[in-house]
Amino acid sequence: MRDRLIENAQLEAIALMGVTISHELNQPLTVVMMGTEMLLQTADPEDPRYSLLVTMQKAAERMAQQVKQMSRIARYQTTTYVGQQKMIDLEAVSA
């Protein structure tokens, strides 16, 4: 029983870390995506830097999908493991 509690606590900590990391990555990623989109709207496709902007936009979109997936996994872990916890008589466990 004690091992299960420790495992659940560890999984909850990992899930929380995943949610935190995805949130922290999402903030600057949004700025990069918005900035790139604005620059692409006004950039001349003949400009040699245009292809760099397109590459940046595609990379940011891939990163956004990875962040979204990490967030989904973290939320799933939290609801799967933490949601299954039951009330435990700590006196019985420690005895």
Protein backbone atom coordinates (compact mmCIF):
# COMPACT_ATOMS: atom_id res chain seq x y z
CA MET A 1 0.00 0.00 0.00
CA ARG A 2 2.82 2.37 0.91
CA ASP A 3 4.59 1.66 -2.38
CA ARG A 4 1.40 2.45 -4.28
CA LEU A 5 1.09 5.79 -2.46
CA ILE A 6 4.68 6.64 -3.31
CA GLU A 7 4.16 5.66 -6.95
CA ASN A 8 1.01 7.78 -7.17
CA ALA A 9 2.82 10.76 -5.65
CA GLN A 10 5.68 10.37 -8.12
CA LEU A 11 3.31 10.13 -11.08
CA GLU A 12 1.43 13.18 -9.86
CA ALA A 13 4.71 15.11 -9.58
CA ILE A 14 5.71 14.09 -13.13
CA ALA A 15 2.31 15.11 -14.47
CA LEU A 16 2.52 18.47 -12.70
CA MET A 17 6.00 19.02 -14.11
CA GLY A 18 4.69 18.21 -17.62
CA VAL A 19 1.85 20.69 -17.31
CA THR A 20 4.21 23.35 -15.95
CA ILE A 21 6.78 22.83 -18.70
CA SER A 22 4.15 22.88 -21.44
CA HIS A 23 2.72 26.11 -20.01
CA GLU A 24 6.16 27.75 -19.82
CA LEU A 25 7.00 26.70 -23.39
CA ASN A 26 3.66 27.84 -24.72
CA GLN A 27 4.11 31.46 -23.63
CA PRO A 28 7.19 32.33 -25.74
CA LEU A 29 6.07 29.98 -28.50
CA THR A 30 2.89 32.00 -28.94
CA VAL A 31 4.96 35.16 -29.35
CA VAL A 32 7.19 33.50 -31.95
CA MET A 33 4.20 32.17 -33.89
CA MET A 34 2.36 35.49 -33.85
CA GLY A 35 5.47 37.47 -34.76
CA THR A 36 6.34 35.13 -37.61
CA GLU A 37 2.79 35.28 -38.93
CA MET A 38 2.84 39.09 -38.87
CA LEU A 39 6.19 39.20 -40.68
CA LEU A 40 5.00 36.73 -43.32
CA GLN A 41 1.94 38.87 -44.05
CA THR A 42 4.12 41.83 -44.99
CA ALA A 43 7.18 40.03 -46.37
CA ASP A 44 7.92 39.81 -50.07
CA PRO A 45 8.04 36.15 -51.17
CA GLU A 46 11.02 37.08 -53.38
CA ASP A 47 13.01 38.23 -50.33
CA PRO A 48 15.62 35.58 -49.39
CA ARG A 49 14.54 35.90 -45.74
CA TYR A 50 10.99 34.82 -46.62
CA SER A 51 11.94 31.14 -46.74
CA LEU A 52 13.55 31.51 -43.31
CA LEU A 53 10.26 32.89 -41.95
CA VAL A 54 8.34 29.98 -43.49
CA THR A 55 10.81 27.54 -41.90
CA MET A 56 10.42 29.29 -38.54
CA GLN A 57 6.64 29.14 -38.81
CA LYS A 58 6.64 25.40 -39.61
CA ALA A 59 9.07 24.68 -36.75
CA ALA A 60 6.94 26.69 -34.32
CA GLU A 61 3.81 24.83 -35.44
CA ARG A 62 5.55 21.47 -34.88
CA MET A 63 6.69 22.62 -31.46
CA ALA A 64 3.17 23.77 -30.61
CA GLN A 65 1.86 20.28 -31.44
CA GLN A 66 4.51 18.71 -29.20
CA VAL A 67 3.64 21.05 -26.34
CA LYS A 68 -0.06 20.27 -26.79
CA GLN A 69 0.69 16.53 -26.75
CA MET A 70 2.82 16.85 -23.61
CA SER A 71 0.03 18.75 -21.90
CA ARG A 72 -2.53 16.08 -22.88
CA ILE A 73 -0.31 13.30 -21.55
CA ALA A 74 0.31 15.14 -18.30
CA ARG A 75 -3.42 15.75 -17.80
CA TYR A 76 -4.18 12.11 -18.60
CA GLN A 77 -1.59 10.91 -16.08
CA THR A 78 -3.04 13.21 -13.42
CA THR A 79 -6.62 12.10 -13.95
CA THR A 80 -5.72 8.43 -14.36
CA TYR A 81 -3.56 8.03 -11.29
CA VAL A 82 -4.64 10.80 -8.97
CA GLY A 83 -8.30 10.33 -9.83
CA GLN A 84 -8.13 6.71 -8.73
CA GLN A 85 -6.84 7.44 -5.25
CA LYS A 86 -9.05 6.34 -2.39
CA MET A 87 -9.34 7.34 1.21
CA ILE A 88 -6.74 5.42 3.20
CA ASP A 89 -6.58 4.86 6.91
CA LEU A 90 -3.05 6.14 7.60
CA GLU A 91 -3.00 4.62 11.06
CA ALA A 92 -3.62 1.17 9.54
CA VAL A 93 -0.90 1.70 6.93
CA SER A 94 1.69 2.92 9.43
CA ALA A 95 0.99 0.13 11.92
